[in-house]
PDB file of all heavy atoms in Angstrom:
ATOM      1  N   ALA A   1      95.780 101.708  97.384  1.00  0.00           N
ATOM      2  CA  ALA A   1      96.445 101.451  96.083  1.00  0.00           C
ATOM      3  C   ALA A   1      97.662 102.360  95.947  1.00  0.00           C
ATOM      4  O   ALA A   1      98.575 101.992  95.121  1.00  0.00           O
ATOM      5  CB  ALA A   1      95.508 101.729  94.969  1.00  0.00           C
ATOM      6  N   VAL A   2      97.773 103.382  96.696  1.00  0.00           N
ATOM      7  CA  VAL A   2      98.854 104.340  96.618  1.00  0.00           C
ATOM      8  C   VAL A   2     100.037 103.921  97.540  1.00  0.00           C
ATOM      9  O   VAL A   2     101.168 103.883  97.171  1.00  0.00           O
ATOM     10  CB  VAL A   2      98.366 105.740  96.786  1.00  0.00           C
ATOM     11  CG1 VAL A   2      99.593 106.691  96.796  1.00  0.00           C
ATOM     12  CG2 VAL A   2      97.404 106.151  95.809  1.00  0.00           C
ATOM     13  N   PHE A   3      99.623 103.605  98.747  1.00  0.00           N
ATOM     14  CA  PHE A   3     100.598 103.278  99.796  1.00  0.00           C
ATOM     15  C   PHE A   3     100.486 101.813 100.187  1.00  0.00           C
ATOM     16  O   PHE A   3      99.465 101.360 100.552  1.00  0.00           O
ATOM     17  CB  PHE A   3     100.411 104.102 101.066  1.00  0.00           C
ATOM     18  CG  PHE A   3     100.492 105.587 100.809  1.00  0.00           C
ATOM     19  CD1 PHE A   3      99.371 106.331 100.587  1.00  0.00           C
ATOM     20  CD2 PHE A   3     101.736 106.167 100.832  1.00  0.00           C
ATOM     21  CE1 PHE A   3      99.456 107.712 100.348  1.00  0.00           C
ATOM     22  CE2 PHE A   3     101.842 107.617 100.601  1.00  0.00           C
ATOM     23  CZ  PHE A   3     100.660 108.302 100.321  1.00  0.00           C
ATOM     24  N   PRO A   4     101.530 101.022 100.049  1.00  0.00           N
ATOM     25  CA  PRO A   4     102.916 101.268  99.620  1.00  0.00           C
ATOM     26  C   PRO A   4     103.172 100.843  98.111  1.00  0.00           C
ATOM     27  O   PRO A   4     104.245 100.800  97.727  1.00  0.00           O
ATOM     28  CB  PRO A   4     103.674 100.382 100.532  1.00  0.00           C
ATOM     29  CG  PRO A   4     102.829  99.209 100.791  1.00  0.00           C
ATOM     30  CD  PRO A   4     101.406  99.732 100.742  1.00  0.00           C
ATOM     31  N   ALA A   5     102.058 100.639  97.370  1.00  0.00           N
ATOM     32  CA  ALA A   5     102.268 100.195  95.987  1.00  0.00           C
ATOM     33  C   ALA A   5     102.988 101.207  95.056  1.00  0.00           C
ATOM     34  O   ALA A   5     103.881 100.881  94.353  1.00  0.00           O
ATOM     35  CB  ALA A   5     100.883  99.789  95.321  1.00  0.00           C
ATOM     36  N   LEU A   6     102.610 102.518  95.160  1.00  0.00           N
ATOM     37  CA  LEU A   6     103.261 103.500  94.277  1.00  0.00           C
ATOM     38  C   LEU A   6     104.229 104.344  95.039  1.00  0.00           C
ATOM     39  O   LEU A   6     105.254 104.705  94.539  1.00  0.00           O
ATOM     40  CB  LEU A   6     102.223 104.415  93.726  1.00  0.00           C
ATOM     41  CG  LEU A   6     101.202 103.782  92.714  1.00  0.00           C
ATOM     42  CD1 LEU A   6     100.149 104.734  92.267  1.00  0.00           C
ATOM     43  CD2 LEU A   6     102.011 103.255  91.507  1.00  0.00           C
ATOM     44  N   ILE A   7     103.915 104.701  96.338  1.00  0.00           N
ATOM     45  CA  ILE A   7     104.838 105.459  97.149  1.00  0.00           C
ATOM     46  C   ILE A   7     105.291 104.578  98.319  1.00  0.00           C
ATOM     47  O   ILE A   7     104.441 104.018  98.999  1.00  0.00           O
ATOM     48  CB  ILE A   7     104.080 106.705  97.691  1.00  0.00           C
ATOM     49  CG1 ILE A   7     103.687 107.660  96.516  1.00  0.00           C
ATOM     50  CG2 ILE A   7     104.980 107.486  98.670  1.00  0.00           C
ATOM     51  CD1 ILE A   7     102.916 108.807  96.939  1.00  0.00           C
ATOM     52  N   PRO A   8     106.596 104.406  98.472  1.00  0.00           N
ATOM     53  CA  PRO A   8     107.089 103.435  99.486  1.00  0.00           C
ATOM     54  C   PRO A   8     106.954 104.020 100.905  1.00  0.00           C
ATOM     55  O   PRO A   8     107.988 104.344 101.502  1.00  0.00           O
ATOM     56  CB  PRO A   8     108.557 103.282  99.034  1.00  0.00           C
ATOM     57  CG  PRO A   8     108.895 104.486  98.386  1.00  0.00           C
ATOM     58  CD  PRO A   8     107.646 105.007  97.674  1.00  0.00           C
ATOM     59  N   ALA A   9     105.763 103.966 101.380  1.00  0.00           N
ATOM     60  CA  ALA A   9     105.528 104.478 102.807  1.00  0.00           C
ATOM     61  C   ALA A   9     104.329 103.627 103.276  1.00  0.00           C
ATOM     62  O   ALA A   9     103.478 103.256 102.563  1.00  0.00           O
ATOM     63  CB  ALA A   9     105.267 105.960 102.816  1.00  0.00           C
ATOM     64  N   ALA A  10     104.385 103.488 104.577  1.00  0.00           N
ATOM     65  CA  ALA A  10     103.231 102.754 105.249  1.00  0.00           C
ATOM     66  C   ALA A  10     102.014 103.622 105.218  1.00  0.00           C
ATOM     67  O   ALA A  10     102.048 104.819 105.233  1.00  0.00           O
ATOM     68  CB  ALA A  10     103.643 102.418 106.622  1.00  0.00           C
ATOM     69  N   PRO A  11     100.832 103.028 105.240  1.00  0.00           N
ATOM     70  CA  PRO A  11      99.581 103.745 105.319  1.00  0.00           C
ATOM     71  C   PRO A  11      99.479 104.664 106.536  1.00  0.00           C
ATOM     72  O   PRO A  11      98.989 105.787 106.436  1.00  0.00           O
ATOM     73  CB  PRO A  11      98.480 102.716 105.386  1.00  0.00           C
ATOM     74  CG  PRO A  11      99.121 101.497 104.666  1.00  0.00           C
ATOM     75  CD  PRO A  11     100.553 101.587 105.010  1.00  0.00           C
ATOM     76  N   SER A  12     100.108 104.256 107.619  1.00  0.00           N
ATOM     77  CA  SER A  12     100.033 105.101 108.827  1.00  0.00           C
ATOM     78  C   SER A  12     100.956 106.415 108.568  1.00  0.00           C
ATOM     79  O   SER A  12     100.591 107.495 109.094  1.00  0.00           O
ATOM     80  CB  SER A  12     100.605 104.420 110.085  1.00  0.00           C
ATOM     81  OG  SER A  12     102.012 103.980 109.820  1.00  0.00           O
ATOM     82  N   THR A  13     102.010 106.213 107.856  1.00  0.00           N
ATOM     83  CA  THR A  13     102.845 107.415 107.451  1.00  0.00           C
ATOM     84  C   THR A  13     102.044 108.349 106.546  1.00  0.00           C
ATOM     85  O   THR A  13     102.090 109.566 106.647  1.00  0.00           O
ATOM     86  CB  THR A  13     104.114 106.969 106.747  1.00  0.00           C
ATOM     87  OG1 THR A  13     104.803 106.046 107.538  1.00  0.00           O
ATOM     88  CG2 THR A  13     105.017 108.124 106.428  1.00  0.00           C
ATOM     89  N   ALA A  14     101.205 107.771 105.638  1.00  0.00           N
ATOM     90  CA  ALA A  14     100.317 108.627 104.776  1.00  0.00           C
ATOM     91  C   ALA A  14      99.336 109.371 105.607  1.00  0.00           C
ATOM     92  O   ALA A  14      99.088 110.523 105.274  1.00  0.00           O
ATOM     93  CB  ALA A  14      99.615 107.700 103.776  1.00  0.00           C
ATOM     94  N   ARG A  15      98.790 108.728 106.623  1.00  0.00           N
ATOM     95  CA  ARG A  15      97.796 109.415 107.446  1.00  0.00           C
ATOM     96  C   ARG A  15      98.488 110.570 108.208  1.00  0.00           C
ATOM     97  O   ARG A  15      97.884 111.675 108.317  1.00  0.00           O
ATOM     98  CB  ARG A  15      97.150 108.438 108.447  1.00  0.00           C
ATOM     99  CG  ARG A  15      96.153 107.535 107.769  1.00  0.00           C
ATOM    100  CD  ARG A  15      95.354 106.696 108.785  1.00  0.00           C
ATOM    101  NE  ARG A  15      96.153 105.660 109.410  1.00  0.00           N
ATOM    102  CZ  ARG A  15      96.430 104.441 108.909  1.00  0.00           C
ATOM    103  NH1 ARG A  15      95.892 104.097 107.725  1.00  0.00           N
ATOM    104  NH2 ARG A  15      97.171 103.568 109.582  1.00  0.00           N
ATOM    105  N   LYS A  16      99.641 110.396 108.693  1.00  0.00           N
ATOM    106  CA  LYS A  16     100.399 111.416 109.367  1.00  0.00           C
ATOM    107  C   LYS A  16     100.705 112.602 108.415  1.00  0.00           C
ATOM    108  O   LYS A  16     100.639 113.729 108.788  1.00  0.00           O
ATOM    109  CB  LYS A  16     101.650 110.899 109.991  1.00  0.00           C
ATOM    110  CG  LYS A  16     101.444 110.022 111.196  1.00  0.00           C
ATOM    111  CD  LYS A  16     102.782 109.404 111.642  1.00  0.00           C
ATOM    112  CE  LYS A  16     102.524 108.320 112.591  1.00  0.00           C
ATOM    113  NZ  LYS A  16     103.775 107.632 112.964  1.00  0.00           N
ATOM    114  N   SER A  17     101.023 112.242 107.126  1.00  0.00           N
ATOM    115  CA  SER A  17     101.364 113.243 106.192  1.00  0.00           C
ATOM    116  C   SER A  17     100.212 114.183 105.933  1.00  0.00           C
ATOM    117  O   SER A  17     100.445 115.348 105.535  1.00  0.00           O
ATOM    118  CB  SER A  17     101.903 112.635 104.922  1.00  0.00           C
ATOM    119  OG  SER A  17     100.878 112.060 104.085  1.00  0.00           O
ATOM    120  N   ARG A  18      98.976 113.702 106.004  1.00  0.00           N
ATOM    121  CA  ARG A  18      97.802 114.537 105.750  1.00  0.00           C
ATOM    122  C   ARG A  18      97.700 115.568 106.803  1.00  0.00           C
ATOM    123  O   ARG A  18      97.095 116.664 106.652  1.00  0.00           O
ATOM    124  CB  ARG A  18      96.572 113.670 105.607  1.00  0.00           C
ATOM    125  CG  ARG A  18      96.556 112.943 104.332  1.00  0.00           C
ATOM    126  CD  ARG A  18      95.178 112.337 104.039  1.00  0.00           C
ATOM    127  NE  ARG A  18      94.686 111.365 105.000  1.00  0.00           N
ATOM    128  CZ  ARG A  18      94.888 110.046 104.920  1.00  0.00           C
ATOM    129  NH1 ARG A  18      95.679 109.586 103.977  1.00  0.00           N
ATOM    130  NH2 ARG A  18      94.422 109.314 105.934  1.00  0.00           N
ATOM    131  N   VAL A  19      98.194 115.281 107.986  1.00  0.00           N
ATOM    132  CA  VAL A  19      98.184 116.238 109.157  1.00  0.00           C
ATOM    133  C   VAL A  19      99.356 117.263 108.985  1.00  0.00           C
ATOM    134  O   VAL A  19      99.143 118.443 109.155  1.00  0.00           O
ATOM    135  CB  VAL A  19      98.183 115.478 110.429  1.00  0.00           C
ATOM    136  CG1 VAL A  19      98.285 116.459 111.644  1.00  0.00           C
ATOM    137  CG2 VAL A  19      96.963 114.658 110.629  1.00  0.00           C
ATOM    138  N   THR A  20     100.533 116.634 108.771  1.00  0.00           N
ATOM    139  CA  THR A  20     101.794 117.519 108.809  1.00  0.00           C
ATOM    140  C   THR A  20     102.002 118.186 107.483  1.00  0.00           C
ATOM    141  O   THR A  20     102.748 119.190 107.424  1.00  0.00           O
ATOM    142  CB  THR A  20     102.969 116.700 109.179  1.00  0.00           C
ATOM    143  OG1 THR A  20     103.200 115.733 108.131  1.00  0.00           O
ATOM    144  CG2 THR A  20     102.841 116.001 110.519  1.00  0.00           C
ATOM    145  N   GLY A  21     101.526 117.606 106.376  1.00  0.00           N
ATOM    146  CA  GLY A  21     101.799 118.199 105.078  1.00  0.00           C
ATOM    147  C   GLY A  21     103.093 117.763 104.495  1.00  0.00           C
ATOM    148  O   GLY A  21     103.445 118.212 103.361  1.00  0.00           O
ATOM    149  N   MET A  22     103.835 116.907 105.165  1.00  0.00           N
ATOM    150  CA  MET A  22     105.138 116.446 104.693  1.00  0.00           C
ATOM    151  C   MET A  22     105.124 114.873 104.653  1.00  0.00           C
ATOM    152  O   MET A  22     104.629 114.223 105.444  1.00  0.00           O
ATOM    153  CB  MET A  22     106.265 116.815 105.655  1.00  0.00           C
ATOM    154  CG  MET A  22     106.387 118.336 105.771  1.00  0.00           C
ATOM    155  SD  MET A  22     106.906 119.091 104.186  1.00  0.00           S
ATOM    156  CE  MET A  22     108.557 118.556 104.031  1.00  0.00           C
ATOM    157  N   LEU A  23     105.694 114.404 103.520  1.00  0.00           N
ATOM    158  CA  LEU A  23     105.829 112.961 103.328  1.00  0.00           C
ATOM    159  C   LEU A  23     107.234 112.654 102.845  1.00  0.00           C
ATOM    160  O   LEU A  23     107.572 113.134 101.739  1.00  0.00           O
ATOM    161  CB  LEU A  23     104.785 112.464 102.370  1.00  0.00           C
ATOM    162  CG  LEU A  23     104.835 110.968 101.978  1.00  0.00           C
ATOM    163  CD1 LEU A  23     104.505 110.085 103.215  1.00  0.00           C
ATOM    164  CD2 LEU A  23     103.860 110.600 100.890  1.00  0.00           C
ATOM    165  N   LEU A  24     107.974 111.795 103.571  1.00  0.00           N
ATOM    166  CA  LEU A  24     109.295 111.475 103.187  1.00  0.00           C
ATOM    167  C   LEU A  24     110.202 112.692 102.934  1.00  0.00           C
ATOM    168  O   LEU A  24     111.017 112.668 101.971  1.00  0.00           O
ATOM    169  CB  LEU A  24     109.255 110.495 101.974  1.00  0.00           C
ATOM    170  CG  LEU A  24     108.448 109.279 102.127  1.00  0.00           C
ATOM    171  CD1 LEU A  24     108.426 108.505 100.793  1.00  0.00           C
ATOM    172  CD2 LEU A  24     108.945 108.394 103.225  1.00  0.00           C
ATOM    173  N   GLY A  25     110.023 113.722 103.690  1.00  0.00           N
ATOM    174  CA  GLY A  25     110.902 114.889 103.586  1.00  0.00           C
ATOM    175  C   GLY A  25     110.459 115.846 102.412  1.00  0.00           C
ATOM    176  O   GLY A  25     111.176 116.798 102.157  1.00  0.00           O
ATOM    177  N   GLU A  26     109.391 115.585 101.826  1.00  0.00           N
ATOM    178  CA  GLU A  26     108.887 116.389 100.714  1.00  0.00           C
ATOM    179  C   GLU A  26     107.434 116.821 101.071  1.00  0.00           C
ATOM    180  O   GLU A  26     106.778 116.184 101.881  1.00  0.00           O
ATOM    181  CB  GLU A  26     108.776 115.550  99.454  1.00  0.00           C
ATOM    182  CG  GLU A  26     110.091 114.936  98.925  1.00  0.00           C
ATOM    183  CD  GLU A  26     110.928 115.896  98.218  1.00  0.00           C
ATOM    184  OE1 GLU A  26     110.407 116.808  97.601  1.00  0.00           O
ATOM    185  OE2 GLU A  26     112.192 115.675  98.270  1.00  0.00           O
ATOM    186  N   PRO A  27     106.941 117.906 100.424  1.00  0.00           N
ATOM    187  CA  PRO A  27     105.507 118.248 100.647  1.00  0.00           C
ATOM    188  C   PRO A  27     104.640 117.090 100.156  1.00  0.00           C
ATOM    189  O   PRO A  27     104.889 116.445  99.117  1.00  0.00           O
ATOM    190  CB  PRO A  27     105.281 119.451  99.738  1.00  0.00           C
ATOM    191  CG  PRO A  27     106.658 120.024  99.595  1.00  0.00           C
ATOM    192  CD  PRO A  27     107.620 118.905  99.606  1.00  0.00           C
ATOM    193  N   ALA A  28     103.660 116.736 100.927  1.00  0.00           N
ATOM    194  CA  ALA A  28     102.835 115.541 100.694  1.00  0.00           C
ATOM    195  C   ALA A  28     102.007 115.794  99.484  1.00  0.00           C
ATOM    196  O   ALA A  28     101.596 116.906  99.157  1.00  0.00           O
ATOM    197  CB  ALA A  28     101.906 115.239 101.894  1.00  0.00           C
ATOM    198  N   PRO A  29     101.655 114.670  98.798  1.00  0.00           N
ATOM    199  CA  PRO A  29     100.748 114.830  97.619  1.00  0.00           C
ATOM    200  C   PRO A  29      99.363 115.271  98.049  1.00  0.00           C
ATOM    201  O   PRO A  29      98.924 114.944  99.137  1.00  0.00           O
ATOM    202  CB  PRO A  29     100.722 113.478  96.970  1.00  0.00           C
ATOM    203  CG  PRO A  29     101.179 112.482  98.035  1.00  0.00           C
ATOM    204  CD  PRO A  29     102.035 113.290  98.937  1.00  0.00           C
ATOM    205  N   GLN A  30      98.610 115.972  97.148  1.00  0.00           N
ATOM    206  CA  GLN A  30      97.273 116.377  97.440  1.00  0.00           C
ATOM    207  C   GLN A  30      96.412 115.178  97.520  1.00  0.00           C
ATOM    208  O   GLN A  30      96.632 114.181  96.788  1.00  0.00           O
ATOM    209  CB  GLN A  30      96.844 117.379  96.409  1.00  0.00           C
ATOM    210  CG  GLN A  30      97.531 118.649  96.412  1.00  0.00           C
ATOM    211  CD  GLN A  30      97.097 119.596  95.409  1.00  0.00           C
ATOM    212  OE1 GLN A  30      96.318 119.236  94.533  1.00  0.00           O
ATOM    213  NE2 GLN A  30      97.528 120.816  95.524  1.00  0.00           N
ATOM    214  N   PHE A  31      95.339 115.249  98.291  1.00  0.00           N
ATOM    215  CA  PHE A  31      94.365 114.185  98.422  1.00  0.00           C
ATOM    216  C   PHE A  31      92.964 114.723  98.230  1.00  0.00           C
ATOM    217  O   PHE A  31      92.710 115.969  98.347  1.00  0.00           O
ATOM    218  CB  PHE A  31      94.467 113.372  99.665  1.00  0.00           C
ATOM    219  CG  PHE A  31      94.241 114.171 100.935  1.00  0.00           C
ATOM    220  CD1 PHE A  31      92.988 114.193 101.466  1.00  0.00           C
ATOM    221  CD2 PHE A  31      95.195 114.895 101.513  1.00  0.00           C
ATOM    222  CE1 PHE A  31      92.725 114.843 102.614  1.00  0.00           C
ATOM    223  CE2 PHE A  31      95.042 115.631 102.678  1.00  0.00           C
ATOM    224  CZ  PHE A  31      93.689 115.623 103.224  1.00  0.00           C
ATOM    225  N   VAL A  32      91.999 113.883  98.081  1.00  0.00           N
ATOM    226  CA  VAL A  32      90.560 114.246  97.940  1.00  0.00           C
ATOM    227  C   VAL A  32      89.832 113.495  98.963  1.00  0.00           C
ATOM    228  O   VAL A  32      89.983 112.235  99.084  1.00  0.00           O
ATOM    229  CB  VAL A  32      90.004 113.987  96.495  1.00  0.00           C
ATOM    230  CG1 VAL A  32      88.607 114.239  96.413  1.00  0.00           C
ATOM    231  CG2 VAL A  32      90.875 114.640  95.477  1.00  0.00           C
ATOM    232  N   ARG A  33      88.935 114.097  99.698  1.00  0.00           N
ATOM    233  CA  ARG A  33      88.088 113.371 100.715  1.00  0.00           C
ATOM    234  C   ARG A  33      86.700 113.162 100.053  1.00  0.00           C
ATOM    235  O   ARG A  33      86.102 114.154  99.605  1.00  0.00           O
ATOM    236  CB  ARG A  33      87.959 114.164 101.955  1.00  0.00           C
ATOM    237  CG  ARG A  33      87.133 113.451 102.984  1.00  0.00           C
ATOM    238  CD  ARG A  33      87.075 114.244 104.302  1.00  0.00           C
ATOM    239  NE  ARG A  33      88.411 114.423 104.910  1.00  0.00           N
ATOM    240  CZ  ARG A  33      88.916 113.504 105.754  1.00  0.00           C
ATOM    241  NH1 ARG A  33      88.308 112.423 106.044  1.00  0.00           N
ATOM    242  NH2 ARG A  33      90.075 113.708 106.326  1.00  0.00           N
ATOM    243  N   ARG A  34      86.317 111.919  99.944  1.00  0.00           N
ATOM    244  CA  ARG A  34      84.984 111.579  99.456  1.00  0.00           C
ATOM    245  C   ARG A  34      84.270 110.905 100.631  1.00  0.00           C
ATOM    246  O   ARG A  34      84.322 109.711 100.897  1.00  0.00           O
ATOM    247  CB  ARG A  34      85.112 110.571  98.349  1.00  0.00           C
ATOM    248  CG  ARG A  34      85.829 110.997  97.103  1.00  0.00           C
ATOM    249  CD  ARG A  34      84.921 111.912  96.276  1.00  0.00           C
ATOM    250  NE  ARG A  34      85.650 112.297  95.060  1.00  0.00           N
ATOM    251  CZ  ARG A  34      85.722 113.539  94.632  1.00  0.00           C
ATOM    252  NH1 ARG A  34      85.119 114.473  95.286  1.00  0.00           N
ATOM    253  NH2 ARG A  34      86.396 113.830  93.556  1.00  0.00           N
ATOM    254  N   GLY A  35      83.511 111.700 101.348  1.00  0.00           N
ATOM    255  CA  GLY A  35      82.812 111.159 102.558  1.00  0.00           C
ATOM    256  C   GLY A  35      83.899 110.873 103.586  1.00  0.00           C
ATOM    257  O   GLY A  35      84.698 111.771 103.947  1.00  0.00           O
ATOM    258  N   ARG A  36      84.008 109.614 104.049  1.00  0.00           N
ATOM    259  CA  ARG A  36      85.034 109.195 104.996  1.00  0.00           C
ATOM    260  C   ARG A  36      86.242 108.646 104.276  1.00  0.00           C
ATOM    261  O   ARG A  36      87.222 108.277 104.913  1.00  0.00           O
ATOM    262  CB  ARG A  36      84.405 108.167 105.946  1.00  0.00           C
ATOM    263  CG  ARG A  36      83.326 108.741 106.800  1.00  0.00           C
ATOM    264  CD  ARG A  36      82.697 107.745 107.686  1.00  0.00           C
ATOM    265  NE  ARG A  36      83.702 107.321 108.737  1.00  0.00           N
ATOM    266  CZ  ARG A  36      83.549 106.358 109.503  1.00  0.00           C
ATOM    267  NH1 ARG A  36      82.440 105.659 109.636  1.00  0.00           N
ATOM    268  NH2 ARG A  36      84.550 105.992 110.449  1.00  0.00           N
ATOM    269  N   ASN A  37      86.152 108.496 102.975  1.00  0.00           N
ATOM    270  CA  ASN A  37      87.170 107.869 102.224  1.00  0.00           C
ATOM    271  C   ASN A  37      88.182 108.866 101.703  1.00  0.00           C
ATOM    272  O   ASN A  37      87.838 110.049 101.322  1.00  0.00           O
ATOM    273  CB  ASN A  37      86.637 107.121 100.973  1.00  0.00           C
ATOM    274  CG  ASN A  37      85.751 105.985 101.463  1.00  0.00           C
ATOM    275  OD1 ASN A  37      86.077 105.225 102.354  1.00  0.00           O
ATOM    276  ND2 ASN A  37      84.616 105.831 100.802  1.00  0.00           N
TER     277      ASN A  37
END
């Protein structure tokens, strides 16, 4: 629901941002892990 609907990035870019901490040249938004989700 967030990628690409609210933030114009591919879901694969979102996954990479969780590892690198950067998204589109900015610090990545915080996320919450609920089990595997």
